[in-house]
Structure formats: structure tokens, C-alpha cells
């Protein structure tokens, strides 16, 4: 029991820091009056750098999923018990909300507010599927190839790149989508949009799981 509590705490803290970075960066962009291009770069770098740090420090404790889509795929691969995957998802989601609230308070915003930033349309949803597919595929292949020390850099770089090249700016994470519903920062997402993000994130993750099974059939 103590072991699972430690792992859940690591998932909670890591996801909270991840969402605090994206929401906090959004508030900072607004405070500085940065233009759209510079603001996007600032947010992408903040989130990418944070992912490298939190995965590196928490990976030995919980595996550093910080993402229900990753936990789901690990359960499908029988590398994580289904019950633990569910507990991970709950811990990640609560951590995401706490991270958003913390970032809001840091910048003098209302602690808990529902985002009104609409992100809709098939192109945006496809962007989320692509972002999540690439993220999960990178993790799975690096695990199967025995190159787990590369995961912090690979995930950080993929998400930073995704902020720039995907139409959705690469949420790629249902828990992050939940956290980003509770902020008035420009990096927020309206609940009506987040619902579709969840759907396409899971689809992207499942596609990555299937592709990994083909690429490394004996291990995936």
C-alpha cells in the first residue's frame, strides 16, 4: 500500500507541475504582452523543459506517466495493473486541477474559473490525435528498445515541437485538458472543447499502441 501511495503522489506532483507550467506560461505571455508567435514559443519551451525535469526525477518512482492516455496503454500492455492505471488517472487529474489553481494564484487570477477558450473543428481534433500518437509511440518504442533514459528528452522535445506544428498546440493528455479547463489564461480550454480533445487523445494513444505492436511485435 505504501508503494502505491508513493507512486500516486509522484503522479500527482508531476502532473501538477506540468499544468502549472502551461497555465503559468499562458499568464506570463499575457502579462508581458507577447505577440502570438513569441507567446507560442514561450509556452512550448516552458512545457518542454518542465517535462524533461519532471520525467527525469519521477521516472524511477512511478514511471512518470503524468497522462491517463499513457497509463491506459501501459495497462493494455499489461505493464500496469488496471486498478493502478485507474488510480493513476485520478491522481493525475486531481494534480492537473491543483496545478492550474496554483498558476492562477501566482498571477493574481481567480483561483478556480471555467475557461471560455473554444478549440474546436476537425483540424484541431486531428491535431490532438497526431500529438498524442507521436507522444505515446515515442515512449513505447523507447521502452521496447531499452532506451528509457532517452524518454525525458524525447517527450519534452516532442511536446515542445507539437506546440508549434500541431493545430491544437499539443495538449496530448486528458489530465492536462482537465486542468486547463480551470483557468482564464489563454492556454485554457472550454469544457465543451475538452470533451472532443479527450476522444481524439485516446484514439491517438490507441493507434500508437497498435503501431508499436507492429514495429516491435515480440515486445509490445
Protein backbone atom coordinates (compact mmCIF):
# COMPACT_ATOMS: atom_id res chain seq x y z
CA UNK A 1 0.00 0.00 0.00
CA UNK A 2 2.80 2.42 0.86
CA UNK A 3 4.35 1.75 -2.54
CA UNK A 4 1.20 2.66 -4.49
CA UNK A 5 0.71 5.79 -2.38
CA UNK A 6 4.25 6.90 -3.20
CA UNK A 7 3.65 6.32 -6.90
CA UNK A 8 0.34 8.18 -6.81
CA UNK A 9 2.00 11.11 -5.07
CA UNK A 10 4.67 11.23 -7.76
CA UNK A 11 2.00 11.21 -10.48
CA UNK A 12 0.05 13.93 -8.66
CA UNK A 13 3.08 16.19 -8.20
CA UNK A 14 4.40 15.69 -11.70
CA UNK A 15 1.08 16.45 -13.35
CA UNK A 16 0.52 19.47 -11.11
CA UNK A 17 3.91 20.89 -12.12
CA UNK A 18 3.20 20.17 -15.78
CA UNK A 19 -0.11 22.02 -15.78
CA UNK A 20 1.31 24.83 -13.66
CA UNK A 21 3.94 25.33 -16.35
CA UNK A 22 1.49 25.58 -19.25
CA UNK A 23 -1.07 27.70 -17.41
CA UNK A 24 1.59 29.86 -15.77
CA UNK A 25 3.30 30.40 -19.11
CA UNK A 26 -0.04 31.46 -20.56
CA UNK A 27 -0.50 34.04 -17.80
CA UNK A 28 3.07 35.27 -18.30
CA UNK A 29 2.52 35.72 -22.03
CA UNK A 30 -0.49 37.90 -21.24
CA UNK A 31 1.34 39.92 -18.58
CA UNK A 32 4.26 40.59 -20.91
CA UNK A 33 2.04 41.44 -23.85
CA UNK A 34 3.93 38.98 -26.04
CA UNK A 35 2.72 38.53 -29.60
CA UNK A 36 1.18 35.25 -30.78
CA UNK A 37 4.37 33.81 -32.27
CA UNK A 38 6.58 34.69 -29.30
CA UNK A 39 3.89 33.60 -26.87
CA UNK A 40 3.59 30.21 -28.54
CA UNK A 41 7.35 29.74 -28.39
CA UNK A 42 7.46 30.74 -24.72
CA UNK A 43 4.74 28.27 -23.79
CA UNK A 44 6.24 25.46 -25.85
CA UNK A 45 9.65 25.89 -24.28
CA UNK A 46 8.27 26.15 -20.74
CA UNK A 47 6.26 22.95 -21.09
CA UNK A 48 9.02 21.07 -22.91
CA UNK A 49 11.64 22.00 -20.32
CA UNK A 50 9.30 21.09 -17.47
CA UNK A 51 8.60 17.66 -18.96
CA UNK A 52 12.29 16.85 -19.16
CA UNK A 53 12.73 17.75 -15.49
CA UNK A 54 9.69 16.02 -14.02
CA UNK A 55 10.12 12.82 -16.04
CA UNK A 56 13.79 12.61 -15.09
CA UNK A 57 13.11 12.97 -11.36
CA UNK A 58 9.89 10.95 -11.06
CA UNK A 59 10.53 8.18 -13.61
CA UNK A 60 12.28 5.92 -11.07
CA UNK A 61 9.34 6.32 -8.66
CA UNK A 62 6.17 5.94 -10.72
CA UNK A 63 7.26 5.62 -14.32
CA UNK A 64 6.40 9.31 -14.81
CA UNK A 65 3.25 8.89 -16.88
CA UNK A 66 1.51 12.16 -15.88
CA UNK A 67 -1.01 11.25 -18.57
CA UNK A 68 -4.08 8.93 -18.42
CA UNK A 69 -3.53 8.03 -22.07
CA UNK A 70 -0.06 6.70 -21.26
CA UNK A 71 -1.37 4.82 -18.20
CA UNK A 72 -4.15 3.29 -20.32
CA UNK A 73 -1.69 2.00 -22.91
CA UNK A 74 0.62 0.62 -20.22
CA UNK A 75 -2.38 -1.25 -18.78
CA UNK A 76 -3.22 -2.65 -22.23
CA UNK A 77 0.39 -3.85 -22.50
CA UNK A 78 0.00 -5.49 -19.06
CA UNK A 79 2.82 -3.35 -17.70
CA UNK A 80 0.47 -1.67 -15.22
CA UNK A 81 -2.43 -3.31 -13.36
CA UNK A 82 -5.81 -1.90 -14.47
CA UNK A 83 -6.62 -0.81 -10.91
CA UNK A 84 -3.35 1.09 -10.69
CA UNK A 85 -3.99 2.69 -14.09
CA UNK A 86 -7.34 3.98 -12.82
CA UNK A 87 -5.75 5.31 -9.63
CA UNK A 88 -3.02 6.94 -11.71
CA UNK A 89 -5.63 8.68 -13.87
CA UNK A 90 -7.46 10.03 -10.83
CA UNK A 91 -4.23 11.25 -9.23
CA UNK A 92 -3.11 12.85 -12.48
CA UNK A 93 -6.44 14.62 -12.96
CA UNK A 94 -6.52 16.00 -9.41
CA UNK A 95 -2.90 17.10 -9.79
CA UNK A 96 -3.77 18.87 -13.04
CA UNK A 97 -6.51 20.91 -11.34
CA UNK A 98 -4.21 21.79 -8.45
CA UNK A 99 -1.54 22.87 -10.92
CA UNK A 100 -3.97 25.17 -12.72
CA UNK A 101 -5.21 26.69 -9.45
CA UNK A 102 -1.61 27.26 -8.31
CA UNK A 103 -0.69 29.02 -11.55
CA UNK A 104 -3.83 31.16 -11.39
CA UNK A 105 -2.99 32.27 -7.84
CA UNK A 106 0.65 33.01 -8.74
CA UNK A 107 -0.53 35.54 -11.30
CA UNK A 108 -3.28 37.11 -9.20
CA UNK A 109 -6.10 35.48 -11.12
CA UNK A 110 -9.22 33.87 -9.68
CA UNK A 111 -8.23 30.52 -8.19
CA UNK A 112 -10.83 28.42 -9.98
CA UNK A 113 -12.55 29.68 -13.11
CA UNK A 114 -14.04 27.84 -16.07
CA UNK A 115 -12.19 28.56 -19.30
CA UNK A 116 -14.06 30.06 -22.23
CA UNK A 117 -11.33 29.38 -24.80
CA UNK A 118 -13.03 27.40 -27.57
CA UNK A 119 -10.81 25.00 -29.52
CA UNK A 120 -13.00 23.15 -31.99
CA UNK A 121 -13.11 21.78 -35.50
CA UNK A 122 -11.91 18.56 -37.07
CA UNK A 123 -8.48 20.02 -37.87
CA UNK A 124 -7.88 20.86 -34.21
CA UNK A 125 -9.10 17.45 -33.05
CA UNK A 126 -6.92 15.73 -35.64
CA UNK A 127 -4.01 17.76 -34.28
CA UNK A 128 -4.68 16.28 -30.84
CA UNK A 129 -4.74 12.77 -32.24
CA UNK A 130 -1.42 13.37 -34.01
CA UNK A 131 0.14 14.95 -30.91
CA UNK A 132 -0.92 12.08 -28.65
CA UNK A 133 0.01 9.42 -31.21
CA UNK A 134 3.56 10.73 -31.53
CA UNK A 135 3.99 11.15 -27.79
CA UNK A 136 2.81 7.65 -26.89
CA UNK A 137 4.62 6.00 -29.80
CA UNK A 138 7.90 7.61 -28.78
CA UNK A 139 7.50 6.36 -25.21
CA UNK A 140 6.55 2.82 -26.23
CA UNK A 141 9.35 2.40 -28.75
CA UNK A 142 11.98 3.74 -26.38
CA UNK A 143 10.74 1.37 -23.68
CA UNK A 144 10.77 -1.59 -26.07
CA UNK A 145 14.25 -0.69 -27.32
CA UNK A 146 15.61 -0.49 -23.78
CA UNK A 147 16.40 3.20 -24.15
CA UNK A 148 14.34 4.61 -21.29
CA UNK A 149 16.97 7.23 -20.35
CA UNK A 150 16.00 8.96 -23.61
CA UNK A 151 12.37 9.34 -22.61
CA UNK A 152 12.63 12.66 -20.69
CA UNK A 153 14.31 14.42 -23.63
CA UNK A 154 12.15 12.73 -26.27
CA UNK A 155 8.87 13.62 -24.56
CA UNK A 156 9.97 17.18 -23.80
CA UNK A 157 11.11 17.77 -27.37
CA UNK A 158 8.03 16.17 -28.90
CA UNK A 159 5.60 18.27 -26.86
CA UNK A 160 7.58 21.47 -27.45
CA UNK A 161 7.57 20.76 -31.18
CA UNK A 162 3.90 19.87 -31.04
CA UNK A 163 3.07 23.28 -29.62
CA UNK A 164 4.39 24.74 -32.86
CA UNK A 165 3.40 22.26 -35.57
CA UNK A 166 0.03 20.86 -34.45
CA UNK A 167 -3.22 22.74 -34.93
CA UNK A 168 -4.24 22.04 -31.32
CA UNK A 169 -0.91 23.17 -29.79
CA UNK A 170 -0.37 19.64 -28.47
CA UNK A 171 -2.26 19.05 -25.23
CA UNK A 172 -1.79 15.29 -25.87
CA UNK A 173 -3.00 14.46 -22.37
CA UNK A 174 -6.54 14.08 -20.93
CA UNK A 175 -5.42 15.17 -17.45
CA UNK A 176 -3.80 18.31 -18.83
CA UNK A 177 -7.02 19.00 -20.73
CA UNK A 178 -8.94 18.73 -17.45
CA UNK A 179 -6.57 21.11 -15.68
CA UNK A 180 -6.69 23.64 -18.49
CA UNK A 181 -10.47 23.88 -18.17
CA UNK A 182 -10.00 25.71 -14.85
CA UNK A 183 -8.21 28.92 -15.82
CA UNK A 184 -8.77 32.21 -17.58
CA UNK A 185 -5.27 32.07 -19.08
CA UNK A 186 -5.08 31.90 -22.89
CA UNK A 187 -3.78 28.35 -22.54
CA UNK A 188 -7.13 27.23 -21.15
CA UNK A 189 -9.77 25.19 -22.96
CA UNK A 190 -13.54 25.35 -22.67
CA UNK A 191 -15.16 22.17 -21.29
CA UNK A 192 -17.17 21.69 -24.49
CA UNK A 193 -13.92 21.63 -26.47
CA UNK A 194 -12.09 19.47 -23.91
CA UNK A 195 -14.61 16.65 -24.38
CA UNK A 196 -13.55 16.21 -28.00
CA UNK A 197 -9.91 16.54 -27.01
CA UNK A 198 -10.36 13.54 -24.69
CA UNK A 199 -11.83 11.45 -27.51
CA UNK A 200 -9.07 12.18 -30.01
CA UNK A 201 -6.31 11.87 -27.41
CA UNK A 202 -7.46 8.34 -26.58
CA UNK A 203 -7.79 7.48 -30.28
CA UNK A 204 -4.24 8.71 -30.89
CA UNK A 205 -2.91 6.71 -27.95
CA UNK A 206 -4.66 3.52 -29.09
CA UNK A 207 -3.29 3.95 -32.60
CA UNK A 208 0.22 4.34 -31.18
CA UNK A 209 -0.28 1.15 -29.16
CA UNK A 210 -1.26 -0.73 -32.31
CA UNK A 211 1.62 0.64 -34.37
CA UNK A 212 4.11 -0.23 -31.63
CA UNK A 213 2.83 -3.82 -31.65
CA UNK A 214 3.61 -4.00 -35.37
CA UNK A 215 7.01 -2.35 -35.14
CA UNK A 216 8.17 -4.41 -32.16
CA UNK A 217 5.81 -7.42 -32.18
CA UNK A 218 7.65 -9.54 -29.65
CA UNK A 219 7.81 -6.82 -27.02
CA UNK A 220 4.70 -4.67 -27.50
